[in-house]
Amino acid sequence: MIYKVLYQDENNSNPKREATKTLYLEAKTVADVRTMLEKHTKHNIEFIEPLEGKHLEFEENDPGFKITEFK
């Protein structure tokens, strides 16, 4: 499943809407997404949303849509 993650770059500052960024991850569960993010980033996670059906199609049509892969 594809998940949309809304986040702030640093987890030690107050969230500001203007600084919110988005990334997309492929994982089996929300817990897997959180584990990947904790292991590979220092992001302050605001929200994790599963994408499927029409919602996924809409996101895929955005020019900024790219699935993030961690190595």
PDB file of N, CA and C in Angstrom:
ATOM      1  N   MET A   1       0.842  -1.163   0.000  1.00  0.00           N
ATOM      2  CA  MET A   1       0.000   0.000   0.000  1.00  0.00           C
ATOM      3  C   MET A   1       0.897   1.239   0.000  1.00  0.00           C
ATOM      4  N   ILE A   2       0.401   2.301  -0.594  1.00  0.00           N
ATOM      5  CA  ILE A   2       1.106   3.578  -0.636  1.00  0.00           C
ATOM      6  C   ILE A   2       0.570   4.463   0.496  1.00  0.00           C
ATOM      7  N   TYR A   3       1.483   5.114   1.206  1.00  0.00           N
ATOM      8  CA  TYR A   3       1.115   6.020   2.288  1.00  0.00           C
ATOM      9  C   TYR A   3       1.645   7.418   2.005  1.00  0.00           C
ATOM     10  N   LYS A   4       0.831   8.408   2.314  1.00  0.00           N
ATOM     11  CA  LYS A   4       1.220   9.806   2.213  1.00  0.00           C
ATOM     12  C   LYS A   4       1.598  10.267   3.615  1.00  0.00           C
ATOM     13  N   VAL A   5       2.804  10.838   3.741  1.00  0.00           N
ATOM     14  CA  VAL A   5       3.307  11.274   5.038  1.00  0.00           C
ATOM     15  C   VAL A   5       3.476  12.790   5.011  1.00  0.00           C
ATOM     16  N   LEU A   6       2.816  13.460   5.948  1.00  0.00           N
ATOM     17  CA  LEU A   6       2.997  14.897   6.124  1.00  0.00           C
ATOM     18  C   LEU A   6       3.957  15.087   7.288  1.00  0.00           C
ATOM     19  N   TYR A   7       4.983  15.913   7.088  1.00  0.00           N
ATOM     20  CA  TYR A   7       6.027  16.026   8.107  1.00  0.00           C
ATOM     21  C   TYR A   7       6.700  17.389   8.100  1.00  0.00           C
ATOM     22  N   GLN A   8       7.437  17.652   9.183  1.00  0.00           N
ATOM     23  CA  GLN A   8       8.341  18.789   9.304  1.00  0.00           C
ATOM     24  C   GLN A   8       9.757  18.204   9.258  1.00  0.00           C
ATOM     25  N   ASP A   9      10.711  18.972   8.733  1.00  0.00           N
ATOM     26  CA  ASP A   9      12.081  18.462   8.617  1.00  0.00           C
ATOM     27  C   ASP A   9      12.711  18.058   9.946  1.00  0.00           C
ATOM     28  N   GLU A  10      12.551  18.879  10.949  1.00  0.00           N
ATOM     29  CA  GLU A  10      13.200  18.618  12.235  1.00  0.00           C
ATOM     30  C   GLU A  10      12.165  18.328  13.317  1.00  0.00           C
ATOM     31  N   ASN A  11      12.478  17.375  14.171  1.00  0.00           N
ATOM     32  CA  ASN A  11      11.532  17.020  15.224  1.00  0.00           C
ATOM     33  C   ASN A  11      11.716  17.826  16.503  1.00  0.00           C
ATOM     34  N   ASN A  12      12.606  18.822  16.495  1.00  0.00           N
ATOM     35  CA  ASN A  12      12.842  19.603  17.700  1.00  0.00           C
ATOM     36  C   ASN A  12      12.308  21.036  17.604  1.00  0.00           C
ATOM     37  N   SER A  13      11.442  21.295  16.634  1.00  0.00           N
ATOM     38  CA  SER A  13      10.860  22.633  16.508  1.00  0.00           C
ATOM     39  C   SER A  13       9.335  22.523  16.408  1.00  0.00           C
ATOM     40  N   ASN A  14       8.671  23.623  16.660  1.00  0.00           N
ATOM     41  CA  ASN A  14       7.217  23.648  16.566  1.00  0.00           C
ATOM     42  C   ASN A  14       6.773  23.534  15.115  1.00  0.00           C
ATOM     43  N   PRO A  15       5.758  22.717  14.844  1.00  0.00           N
ATOM     44  CA  PRO A  15       5.260  22.591  13.473  1.00  0.00           C
ATOM     45  C   PRO A  15       4.628  23.895  12.984  1.00  0.00           C
ATOM     46  N   LYS A  16       4.894  24.210  11.724  1.00  0.00           N
ATOM     47  CA  LYS A  16       4.276  25.348  11.065  1.00  0.00           C
ATOM     48  C   LYS A  16       3.699  24.854   9.739  1.00  0.00           C
ATOM     49  N   ARG A  17       2.469  25.194   9.475  1.00  0.00           N
ATOM     50  CA  ARG A  17       1.808  24.723   8.267  1.00  0.00           C
ATOM     51  C   ARG A  17       2.635  25.032   7.018  1.00  0.00           C
ATOM     52  N   GLU A  18       3.235  26.213   6.983  1.00  0.00           N
ATOM     53  CA  GLU A  18       4.002  26.639   5.811  1.00  0.00           C
ATOM     54  C   GLU A  18       5.236  25.765   5.579  1.00  0.00           C
ATOM     55  N   ALA A  19       5.707  25.089   6.623  1.00  0.00           N
ATOM     56  CA  ALA A  19       6.906  24.265   6.510  1.00  0.00           C
ATOM     57  C   ALA A  19       6.584  22.777   6.338  1.00  0.00           C
ATOM     58  N   THR A  20       5.309  22.423   6.282  1.00  0.00           N
ATOM     59  CA  THR A  20       4.921  21.025   6.131  1.00  0.00           C
ATOM     60  C   THR A  20       5.295  20.521   4.744  1.00  0.00           C
ATOM     61  N   LYS A  21       5.898  19.346   4.727  1.00  0.00           N
ATOM     62  CA  LYS A  21       6.303  18.710   3.471  1.00  0.00           C
ATOM     63  C   LYS A  21       5.596  17.363   3.357  1.00  0.00           C
ATOM     64  N   THR A  22       5.668  16.786   2.163  1.00  0.00           N
ATOM     65  CA  THR A  22       4.990  15.519   1.890  1.00  0.00           C
ATOM     66  C   THR A  22       5.966  14.532   1.279  1.00  0.00           C
ATOM     67  N   LEU A  23       5.847  13.281   1.683  1.00  0.00           N
ATOM     68  CA  LEU A  23       6.545  12.212   0.980  1.00  0.00           C
ATOM     69  C   LEU A  23       5.615  11.015   0.910  1.00  0.00           C
ATOM     70  N   TYR A  24       5.924  10.123   0.009  1.00  0.00           N
ATOM     71  CA  TYR A  24       5.108   8.932  -0.215  1.00  0.00           C
ATOM     72  C   TYR A  24       5.980   7.704   0.002  1.00  0.00           C
ATOM     73  N   LEU A  25       5.446   6.729   0.717  1.00  0.00           N
ATOM     74  CA  LEU A  25       6.164   5.493   0.991  1.00  0.00           C
ATOM     75  C   LEU A  25       5.295   4.298   0.668  1.00  0.00           C
ATOM     76  N   GLU A  26       5.941   3.231   0.260  1.00  0.00           N
ATOM     77  CA  GLU A  26       5.239   1.968   0.059  1.00  0.00           C
ATOM     78  C   GLU A  26       5.580   1.066   1.232  1.00  0.00           C
ATOM     79  N   ALA A  27       4.565   0.562   1.919  1.00  0.00           N
ATOM     80  CA  ALA A  27       4.754  -0.306   3.076  1.00  0.00           C
ATOM     81  C   ALA A  27       3.490  -1.130   3.293  1.00  0.00           C
ATOM     82  N   LYS A  28       3.597  -2.118   4.172  1.00  0.00           N
ATOM     83  CA  LYS A  28       2.440  -2.968   4.461  1.00  0.00           C
ATOM     84  C   LYS A  28       1.505  -2.337   5.490  1.00  0.00           C
ATOM     85  N   THR A  29       2.081  -1.625   6.479  1.00  0.00           N
ATOM     86  CA  THR A  29       1.262  -1.053   7.544  1.00  0.00           C
ATOM     87  C   THR A  29       1.773   0.340   7.929  1.00  0.00           C
ATOM     88  N   VAL A  30       0.966   1.064   8.674  1.00  0.00           N
ATOM     89  CA  VAL A  30       1.381   2.370   9.199  1.00  0.00           C
ATOM     90  C   VAL A  30       2.567   2.174  10.146  1.00  0.00           C
ATOM     91  N   ALA A  31       2.567   1.103  10.910  1.00  0.00           N
ATOM     92  CA  ALA A  31       3.679   0.818  11.821  1.00  0.00           C
ATOM     93  C   ALA A  31       4.983   0.659  11.046  1.00  0.00           C
ATOM     94  N   ASP A  32       4.932   0.005   9.885  1.00  0.00           N
ATOM     95  CA  ASP A  32       6.120  -0.147   9.038  1.00  0.00           C
ATOM     96  C   ASP A  32       6.605   1.213   8.543  1.00  0.00           C
ATOM     97  N   VAL A  33       5.673   2.091   8.195  1.00  0.00           N
ATOM     98  CA  VAL A  33       6.031   3.446   7.747  1.00  0.00           C
ATOM     99  C   VAL A  33       6.747   4.174   8.879  1.00  0.00           C
ATOM    100  N   ARG A  34       6.184   4.131  10.076  1.00  0.00           N
ATOM    101  CA  ARG A  34       6.805   4.806  11.223  1.00  0.00           C
ATOM    102  C   ARG A  34       8.201   4.252  11.506  1.00  0.00           C
ATOM    103  N   THR A  35       8.364   2.939  11.421  1.00  0.00           N
ATOM    104  CA  THR A  35       9.668   2.316  11.653  1.00  0.00           C
ATOM    105  C   THR A  35      10.683   2.801  10.621  1.00  0.00           C
ATOM    106  N   MET A  36      10.301   2.844   9.353  1.00  0.00           N
ATOM    107  CA  MET A  36      11.207   3.326   8.301  1.00  0.00           C
ATOM    108  C   MET A  36      11.620   4.770   8.561  1.00  0.00           C
ATOM    109  N   LEU A  37      10.648   5.602   8.895  1.00  0.00           N
ATOM    110  CA  LEU A  37      10.934   7.012   9.115  1.00  0.00           C
ATOM    111  C   LEU A  37      11.832   7.224  10.330  1.00  0.00           C
ATOM    112  N   GLU A  38      11.590   6.497  11.402  1.00  0.00           N
ATOM    113  CA  GLU A  38      12.430   6.612  12.596  1.00  0.00           C
ATOM    114  C   GLU A  38      13.863   6.170  12.321  1.00  0.00           C
ATOM    115  N   LYS A  39      14.006   5.148  11.495  1.00  0.00           N
ATOM    116  CA  LYS A  39      15.333   4.605  11.184  1.00  0.00           C
ATOM    117  C   LYS A  39      16.125   5.513  10.248  1.00  0.00           C
ATOM    118  N   HIS A  40      15.442   6.174   9.300  1.00  0.00           N
ATOM    119  CA  HIS A  40      16.144   6.892   8.234  1.00  0.00           C
ATOM    120  C   HIS A  40      16.033   8.412   8.274  1.00  0.00           C
ATOM    121  N   THR A  41      15.204   8.971   9.142  1.00  0.00           N
ATOM    122  CA  THR A  41      15.026  10.424   9.145  1.00  0.00           C
ATOM    123  C   THR A  41      14.940  10.964  10.571  1.00  0.00           C
ATOM    124  N   LYS A  42      14.954  12.281  10.661  1.00  0.00           N
ATOM    125  CA  LYS A  42      14.708  12.968  11.935  1.00  0.00           C
ATOM    126  C   LYS A  42      13.445  13.821  11.811  1.00  0.00           C
ATOM    127  N   HIS A  43      12.564  13.416  10.924  1.00  0.00           N
ATOM    128  CA  HIS A  43      11.345  14.180  10.664  1.00  0.00           C
ATOM    129  C   HIS A  43      10.385  14.168  11.843  1.00  0.00           C
ATOM    130  N   ASN A  44       9.647  15.252  11.979  1.00  0.00           N
ATOM    131  CA  ASN A  44       8.533  15.351  12.917  1.00  0.00           C
ATOM    132  C   ASN A  44       7.279  14.976  12.129  1.00  0.00           C
ATOM    133  N   ILE A  45       6.759  13.789  12.351  1.00  0.00           N
ATOM    134  CA  ILE A  45       5.635  13.269  11.581  1.00  0.00           C
ATOM    135  C   ILE A  45       4.340  13.907  12.073  1.00  0.00           C
ATOM    136  N   GLU A  46       3.606  14.509  11.164  1.00  0.00           N
ATOM    137  CA  GLU A  46       2.321  15.113  11.495  1.00  0.00           C
ATOM    138  C   GLU A  46       1.168  14.141  11.253  1.00  0.00           C
ATOM    139  N   PHE A  47       1.216  13.438  10.110  1.00  0.00           N
ATOM    140  CA  PHE A  47       0.078  12.599   9.730  1.00  0.00           C
ATOM    141  C   PHE A  47       0.529  11.567   8.710  1.00  0.00           C
ATOM    142  N   ILE A  48       0.009  10.357   8.829  1.00  0.00           N
ATOM    143  CA  ILE A  48       0.254   9.297   7.847  1.00  0.00           C
ATOM    144  C   ILE A  48      -1.097   8.843   7.332  1.00  0.00           C
ATOM    145  N   GLU A  49      -1.256   8.904   6.015  1.00  0.00           N
ATOM    146  CA  GLU A  49      -2.552   8.595   5.403  1.00  0.00           C
ATOM    147  C   GLU A  49      -2.400   7.507   4.339  1.00  0.00           C
ATOM    148  N   PRO A  50      -3.163   6.419   4.440  1.00  0.00           N
ATOM    149  CA  PRO A  50      -3.123   5.408   3.377  1.00  0.00           C
ATOM    150  C   PRO A  50      -3.822   5.942   2.124  1.00  0.00           C
ATOM    151  N   LEU A  51      -3.247   5.639   0.975  1.00  0.00           N
ATOM    152  CA  LEU A  51      -3.831   6.075  -0.292  1.00  0.00           C
ATOM    153  C   LEU A  51      -4.258   4.860  -1.099  1.00  0.00           C
ATOM    154  N   GLU A  52      -5.485   4.907  -1.598  1.00  0.00           N
ATOM    155  CA  GLU A  52      -5.967   3.846  -2.493  1.00  0.00           C
ATOM    156  C   GLU A  52      -7.098   4.389  -3.354  1.00  0.00           C
ATOM    157  N   GLY A  53      -7.395   3.680  -4.386  1.00  0.00           N
ATOM    158  CA  GLY A  53      -8.498   4.059  -5.268  1.00  0.00           C
ATOM    159  C   GLY A  53      -8.325   5.422  -5.908  1.00  0.00           C
ATOM    160  N   LYS A  54      -9.405   6.181  -5.946  1.00  0.00           N
ATOM    161  CA  LYS A  54      -9.413   7.503  -6.589  1.00  0.00           C
ATOM    162  C   LYS A  54      -8.449   8.481  -5.910  1.00  0.00           C
ATOM    163  N   HIS A  55      -8.319   8.367  -4.609  1.00  0.00           N
ATOM    164  CA  HIS A  55      -7.402   9.258  -3.895  1.00  0.00           C
ATOM    165  C   HIS A  55      -5.964   9.017  -4.354  1.00  0.00           C
ATOM    166  N   LEU A  56      -5.563   7.762  -4.501  1.00  0.00           N
ATOM    167  CA  LEU A  56      -4.228   7.432  -4.993  1.00  0.00           C
ATOM    168  C   LEU A  56      -4.051   7.925  -6.427  1.00  0.00           C
ATOM    169  N   GLU A  57      -5.048   7.722  -7.265  1.00  0.00           N
ATOM    170  CA  GLU A  57      -4.979   8.192  -8.653  1.00  0.00           C
ATOM    171  C   GLU A  57      -4.772   9.702  -8.703  1.00  0.00           C
ATOM    172  N   PHE A  58      -5.495  10.435  -7.867  1.00  0.00           N
ATOM    173  CA  PHE A  58      -5.363  11.886  -7.816  1.00  0.00           C
ATOM    174  C   PHE A  58      -3.941  12.282  -7.425  1.00  0.00           C
ATOM    175  N   GLU A  59      -3.394  11.655  -6.393  1.00  0.00           N
ATOM    176  CA  GLU A  59      -2.032  11.972  -5.937  1.00  0.00           C
ATOM    177  C   GLU A  59      -0.998  11.618  -7.004  1.00  0.00           C
ATOM    178  N   GLU A  60      -1.192  10.496  -7.696  1.00  0.00           N
ATOM    179  CA  GLU A  60      -0.246  10.072  -8.738  1.00  0.00           C
ATOM    180  C   GLU A  60      -0.187  11.061  -9.894  1.00  0.00           C
ATOM    181  N   ASN A  61      -1.257  11.814 -10.124  1.00  0.00           N
ATOM    182  CA  ASN A  61      -1.278  12.796 -11.211  1.00  0.00           C
ATOM    183  C   ASN A  61      -0.544  14.085 -10.856  1.00  0.00           C
ATOM    184  N   ASP A  62      -0.185  14.263  -9.586  1.00  0.00           N
ATOM    185  CA  ASP A  62       0.566  15.444  -9.172  1.00  0.00           C
ATOM    186  C   ASP A  62       2.011  15.320  -9.679  1.00  0.00           C
ATOM    187  N   PRO A  63       2.565  16.383 -10.270  1.00  0.00           N
ATOM    188  CA  PRO A  63       3.941  16.308 -10.783  1.00  0.00           C
ATOM    189  C   PRO A  63       4.976  16.000  -9.697  1.00  0.00           C
ATOM    190  N   GLY A  64       4.673  16.294  -8.440  1.00  0.00           N
ATOM    191  CA  GLY A  64       5.611  16.043  -7.356  1.00  0.00           C
ATOM    192  C   GLY A  64       5.513  14.655  -6.750  1.00  0.00           C
ATOM    193  N   PHE A  65       4.635  13.818  -7.297  1.00  0.00           N
ATOM    194  CA  PHE A  65       4.444  12.474  -6.746  1.00  0.00           C
ATOM    195  C   PHE A  65       5.654  11.609  -7.064  1.00  0.00           C
ATOM    196  N   LYS A  66       6.288  11.091  -6.012  1.00  0.00           N
ATOM    197  CA  LYS A  66       7.418  10.176  -6.171  1.00  0.00           C
ATOM    198  C   LYS A  66       7.484   9.330  -4.909  1.00  0.00           C
ATOM    199  N   ILE A  67       7.583   8.035  -5.059  1.00  0.00           N
ATOM    200  CA  ILE A  67       7.669   7.161  -3.909  1.00  0.00           C
ATOM    201  C   ILE A  67       9.114   7.201  -3.386  1.00  0.00           C
ATOM    202  N   THR A  68       9.257   7.524  -2.111  1.00  0.00           N
ATOM    203  CA  THR A  68      10.572   7.604  -1.479  1.00  0.00           C
ATOM    204  C   THR A  68      11.054   6.200  -1.145  1.00  0.00           C
ATOM    205  N   GLU A  69      12.321   5.942  -1.438  1.00  0.00           N
ATOM    206  CA  GLU A  69      12.922   4.659  -1.100  1.00  0.00           C
ATOM    207  C   GLU A  69      14.157   4.918  -0.255  1.00  0.00           C
ATOM    208  N   PHE A  70      14.268   4.232   0.877  1.00  0.00           N
ATOM    209  CA  PHE A  70      15.430   4.344   1.727  1.00  0.00           C
ATOM    210  C   PHE A  70      16.352   3.180   1.441  1.00  0.00           C
ATOM    211  N   LYS A  71      17.641   3.446   1.499  1.00  0.00           N
ATOM    212  CA  LYS A  71      18.621   2.375   1.219  1.00  0.00           C
ATOM    213  C   LYS A  71      19.262   1.891   2.477  1.00  0.00           C
TER     214      LYS A  71
END
